[in-house]
Amino acid sequence: MAEAKPETKLREEFDRWAADGRGEGMESDHLPITLPMLARMDLQADENVLDAGCGSGWLSRLISGRVTQGRVVGMDISEEMIRHARRASVDAANVMFIIGGLDEIPWESHFFTRVASVESAYYWPDPARGLAECFRVLREGGSAWILINYYRDNPYCHQWGETLAVPTHLLSGSEWEALFTAAGFSDVSHTNIPDPTPTPAAYTGRWFRDAAELAAFRAMGALLLTGKKAGAGLE
């Protein structure tokens, strides 16, 4: 029997996450590192934004309140996540959700002013292809903003790869920058966003050995990668 394709494994795993209600917990887990990213993005009211790997849509809804005259498109490979996102977003008139993967974004070229992605890029089956697709759908002058907390420069997350049920890409900030540049982006950079969430006295989860390791992980923070599609700029 042939082994399932990476895209199929990813879809099935995140369908399970959605069914278990894990998509809804992402906002509280990742808000402390996402709000600084949104502040740096300085979104304008008329922008069109793609939320790549949107999960249950929490980031799409946050962005929709900032681009009140624009449009937000949330995209995820998981049909179940998209169903959850649509149900939770009925009051957000400028948001729509589509099923799709980063290997071939189902949208026209040169449309979005920004592509944002939180805690998704290391799951992409082919990050190089995914970034090339992000570049394609961006307008000239647009930019991509990718935030992840699983990356090689933070040693306290390396053990996640053995725990997760789908393949992941553990890349350094410099390696991600090289992929951005190869996809055509300019002004490529990366920085860290520490997580200010207080650490409990005792840790009983499965991701870290103890509270001290969790504290060290949060102190180093998430990796924020940005790149611009050169051109005339946004009007």
Protein backbone atom coordinates (compact mmCIF):
# COMPACT_ATOMS: atom_id res chain seq x y z
CA MET A 1 0.00 0.00 0.00
CA ALA A 2 1.43 3.36 -1.06
CA GLU A 3 2.23 5.85 1.69
CA ALA A 4 -0.12 8.84 1.89
CA LYS A 5 1.12 12.09 0.39
CA PRO A 6 2.31 14.80 2.82
CA GLU A 7 -0.66 16.98 1.87
CA THR A 8 -3.06 14.14 2.72
CA LYS A 9 -1.40 13.50 6.08
CA LEU A 10 -1.53 17.20 6.89
CA ARG A 11 -5.21 17.48 5.96
CA GLU A 12 -6.18 14.42 7.99
CA GLU A 13 -4.20 15.52 11.06
CA PHE A 14 -5.68 19.01 11.12
CA ASP A 15 -9.15 17.66 10.48
CA ARG A 16 -8.60 15.70 13.72
CA TRP A 17 -7.36 18.81 15.51
CA ALA A 18 -10.47 20.69 14.41
CA ALA A 19 -12.79 17.89 15.50
CA ASP A 20 -11.07 17.87 18.92
CA GLY A 21 -11.55 21.63 19.30
CA ARG A 22 -7.83 22.40 19.21
CA GLY A 23 -8.20 25.11 16.58
CA GLU A 24 -10.09 27.37 18.96
CA GLY A 25 -7.25 27.25 21.50
CA MET A 26 -4.71 28.67 19.07
CA GLU A 27 -5.76 32.28 19.64
CA SER A 28 -5.04 32.27 23.37
CA ASP A 29 -1.83 30.29 22.84
CA HIS A 30 -0.40 32.52 20.12
CA LEU A 31 -1.92 35.97 20.75
CA PRO A 32 1.05 37.21 22.86
CA ILE A 33 3.45 36.75 19.92
CA THR A 34 0.94 37.68 17.21
CA LEU A 35 -0.05 41.13 18.50
CA PRO A 36 3.52 42.47 18.14
CA MET A 37 3.58 41.16 14.56
CA LEU A 38 0.32 42.94 13.76
CA ALA A 39 1.66 46.14 15.27
CA ARG A 40 4.71 45.97 12.99
CA MET A 41 2.54 45.26 9.96
CA ASP A 42 0.70 48.57 10.50
CA LEU A 43 -2.21 47.44 8.34
CA GLN A 44 -4.22 50.10 6.53
CA ALA A 45 -8.01 50.03 6.22
CA ASP A 46 -8.12 49.24 2.48
CA GLU A 47 -5.70 46.30 2.37
CA ASN A 48 -6.40 42.78 1.11
CA VAL A 49 -4.79 40.11 3.28
CA LEU A 50 -4.31 36.36 2.87
CA ASP A 51 -4.14 34.37 6.12
CA ALA A 52 -2.21 31.29 4.99
CA GLY A 53 -2.90 28.27 7.19
CA CYS A 54 -5.74 30.04 8.97
CA GLY A 55 -6.96 27.15 11.10
CA SER A 56 -10.18 28.14 12.87
CA GLY A 57 -9.87 31.71 11.58
CA TRP A 58 -8.85 33.59 14.71
CA LEU A 59 -6.11 35.59 12.96
CA SER A 60 -8.38 36.35 10.01
CA ARG A 61 -10.92 37.84 12.40
CA LEU A 62 -8.28 39.92 14.15
CA ILE A 63 -7.05 41.29 10.83
CA SER A 64 -10.58 41.97 9.57
CA GLY A 65 -11.07 44.58 12.27
CA ARG A 66 -8.03 46.44 10.98
CA VAL A 67 -8.80 46.30 7.24
CA THR A 68 -12.39 47.49 7.45
CA GLN A 69 -12.44 48.64 3.81
CA GLY A 70 -10.47 45.68 2.49
CA ARG A 71 -10.80 41.92 2.40
CA VAL A 72 -9.37 39.04 4.38
CA VAL A 73 -9.12 35.56 2.87
CA GLY A 74 -8.39 32.73 5.26
CA MET A 75 -7.03 29.57 3.64
CA ASP A 76 -6.39 26.16 5.17
CA ILE A 77 -5.79 22.67 3.83
CA SER A 78 -8.21 21.23 6.41
CA GLU A 79 -11.87 21.24 5.38
CA GLU A 80 -12.89 20.78 9.02
CA MET A 81 -10.87 23.81 10.12
CA ILE A 82 -12.50 25.87 7.39
CA ARG A 83 -15.96 24.78 8.55
CA HIS A 84 -15.09 25.89 12.10
CA ALA A 85 -13.71 29.18 10.79
CA ARG A 86 -16.83 29.95 8.78
CA ARG A 87 -19.14 29.21 11.71
CA ALA A 88 -17.12 31.45 14.03
CA SER A 89 -16.87 34.33 11.56
CA VAL A 90 -20.46 34.96 10.46
CA ASP A 91 -20.35 38.49 11.89
CA ALA A 92 -17.16 39.43 10.01
CA ALA A 93 -18.51 40.72 6.71
CA ASN A 94 -15.14 41.27 5.05
CA VAL A 95 -13.77 37.76 5.71
CA MET A 96 -14.09 34.67 3.55
CA PHE A 97 -12.53 31.22 3.93
CA ILE A 98 -11.28 28.86 1.25
CA ILE A 99 -9.84 25.35 1.25
CA GLY A 100 -6.37 25.17 -0.23
CA GLY A 101 -2.71 24.42 0.28
CA LEU A 102 0.44 26.44 -0.16
CA ASP A 103 1.58 24.27 -3.07
CA GLU A 104 -1.02 26.03 -5.23
CA ILE A 105 -2.93 28.92 -3.67
CA PRO A 106 -6.39 29.01 -5.30
CA TRP A 107 -6.34 32.75 -5.97
CA GLU A 108 -5.36 35.12 -8.76
CA SER A 109 -1.88 36.61 -9.02
CA HIS A 110 -1.00 40.12 -7.82
CA PHE A 111 -4.06 40.53 -5.60
CA PHE A 112 -3.07 40.70 -1.92
CA THR A 113 -1.21 43.54 -0.24
CA ARG A 114 -0.07 41.19 2.56
CA VAL A 115 0.29 37.51 3.23
CA ALA A 116 0.30 36.60 6.91
CA SER A 117 0.91 33.17 8.42
CA VAL A 118 1.12 32.23 12.10
CA GLU A 119 2.33 28.80 13.23
CA SER A 120 1.84 27.19 9.84
CA ALA A 121 4.92 27.50 7.62
CA TYR A 122 6.94 24.67 9.15
CA TYR A 123 4.10 22.28 8.22
CA TRP A 124 4.11 23.26 4.54
CA PRO A 125 5.13 20.17 2.53
CA ASP A 126 7.39 22.31 0.32
CA PRO A 127 8.27 25.67 1.96
CA ALA A 128 10.11 26.89 -1.15
CA ARG A 129 7.02 26.29 -3.30
CA GLY A 130 4.81 27.85 -0.63
CA LEU A 131 6.84 31.05 -0.54
CA ALA A 132 6.87 31.22 -4.34
CA GLU A 133 3.06 31.00 -4.28
CA CYS A 134 2.89 33.73 -1.63
CA PHE A 135 5.05 35.89 -3.88
CA ARG A 136 2.79 35.20 -6.86
CA VAL A 137 -0.44 36.30 -5.18
CA LEU A 138 1.08 39.48 -3.74
CA ARG A 139 0.82 42.83 -5.46
CA GLU A 140 3.97 44.80 -6.19
CA GLY A 141 4.90 46.55 -2.98
CA GLY A 142 3.14 43.89 -0.93
CA SER A 143 4.82 41.85 1.79
CA ALA A 144 4.80 38.46 3.47
CA TRP A 145 4.83 38.06 7.26
CA ILE A 146 5.49 34.59 8.66
CA LEU A 147 5.58 33.88 12.40
CA ILE A 148 6.67 30.49 13.76
CA ASN A 149 7.88 29.16 17.10
CA TYR A 150 9.39 25.92 15.77
CA TYR A 151 12.76 26.77 14.27
CA ARG A 152 16.35 25.61 14.56
CA ASP A 153 17.71 28.64 16.43
CA ASN A 154 15.48 27.89 19.44
CA PRO A 155 16.81 24.59 20.86
CA TYR A 156 13.91 24.26 23.31
CA CYS A 157 11.46 23.32 20.54
CA HIS A 158 13.51 20.71 18.68
CA GLN A 159 11.82 17.78 20.42
CA TRP A 160 8.45 18.71 18.90
CA GLY A 161 9.36 17.00 15.65
CA GLU A 162 9.26 13.63 17.39
CA THR A 163 5.86 14.38 18.93
CA LEU A 164 3.97 15.79 15.97
CA ALA A 165 2.11 13.33 13.78
CA VAL A 166 3.06 15.00 10.49
CA PRO A 167 6.42 15.90 8.92
CA THR A 168 7.86 19.31 9.80
CA HIS A 169 10.69 21.53 8.58
CA LEU A 170 13.11 22.63 11.31
CA LEU A 171 14.95 25.50 9.62
CA SER A 172 17.04 28.36 10.96
CA GLY A 173 16.22 32.02 10.46
CA SER A 174 19.00 32.25 7.89
CA GLU A 175 17.67 29.23 6.01
CA TRP A 176 14.20 30.73 5.92
CA GLU A 177 15.67 34.01 4.67
CA ALA A 178 17.39 32.14 1.84
CA LEU A 179 14.07 30.60 0.82
CA PHE A 180 12.40 34.04 0.83
CA THR A 181 15.16 35.42 -1.38
CA ALA A 182 14.98 32.47 -3.77
CA ALA A 183 11.22 33.03 -4.11
CA GLY A 184 11.87 36.59 -5.31
CA PHE A 185 11.41 38.62 -2.13
CA SER A 186 13.57 41.64 -1.33
CA ASP A 187 14.22 43.43 1.98
CA VAL A 188 14.17 40.00 3.63
CA SER A 189 14.80 39.91 7.37
CA HIS A 190 14.09 37.94 10.51
CA THR A 191 13.79 38.82 14.17
CA ASN A 192 12.62 37.26 17.41
CA ILE A 193 9.47 38.10 19.33
CA PRO A 194 9.69 36.95 22.97
CA ASP A 195 6.54 35.52 24.54
CA PRO A 196 5.71 37.46 27.75
CA THR A 197 3.26 34.83 29.03
CA PRO A 198 4.04 34.06 32.70
CA THR A 199 5.50 30.60 33.25
CA PRO A 200 3.70 28.33 35.75
CA ALA A 201 5.57 27.07 38.79
CA ALA A 202 5.19 23.52 37.52
CA TYR A 203 4.78 22.25 33.96
CA THR A 204 2.82 19.10 33.20
CA GLY A 205 2.37 19.29 29.42
CA ARG A 206 4.03 17.16 26.76
CA TRP A 207 6.02 19.76 24.82
CA PHE A 208 8.71 20.62 27.40
CA ARG A 209 10.63 18.75 30.07
CA ASP A 210 9.87 21.24 32.82
CA ALA A 211 8.89 24.83 33.61
CA ALA A 212 12.46 26.08 33.26
CA GLU A 213 12.63 24.83 29.68
CA LEU A 214 9.27 26.45 28.89
CA ALA A 215 10.53 29.75 30.33
CA ALA A 216 13.70 29.57 28.22
CA PHE A 217 11.64 28.80 25.10
CA ARG A 218 9.38 31.81 25.69
CA ALA A 219 12.31 34.10 26.43
CA MET A 220 13.89 33.28 23.07
CA GLY A 221 10.47 33.68 21.47
CA ALA A 222 9.01 33.17 18.03
CA LEU A 223 10.72 33.81 14.72
CA LEU A 224 9.22 36.56 12.56
CA LEU A 225 10.22 36.52 8.88
CA THR A 226 9.35 39.28 6.45
CA GLY A 227 9.96 39.99 2.79
CA LYS A 228 8.68 42.46 0.21
CA LYS A 229 7.63 42.07 -3.41
CA ALA A 230 9.50 44.90 -5.07
CA GLY A 231 7.64 47.25 -7.35
CA ALA A 232 5.85 50.55 -7.56
CA GLY A 233 4.39 50.17 -4.09
CA LEU A 234 0.88 50.40 -2.73
CA GLU A 235 -1.39 53.32 -3.46
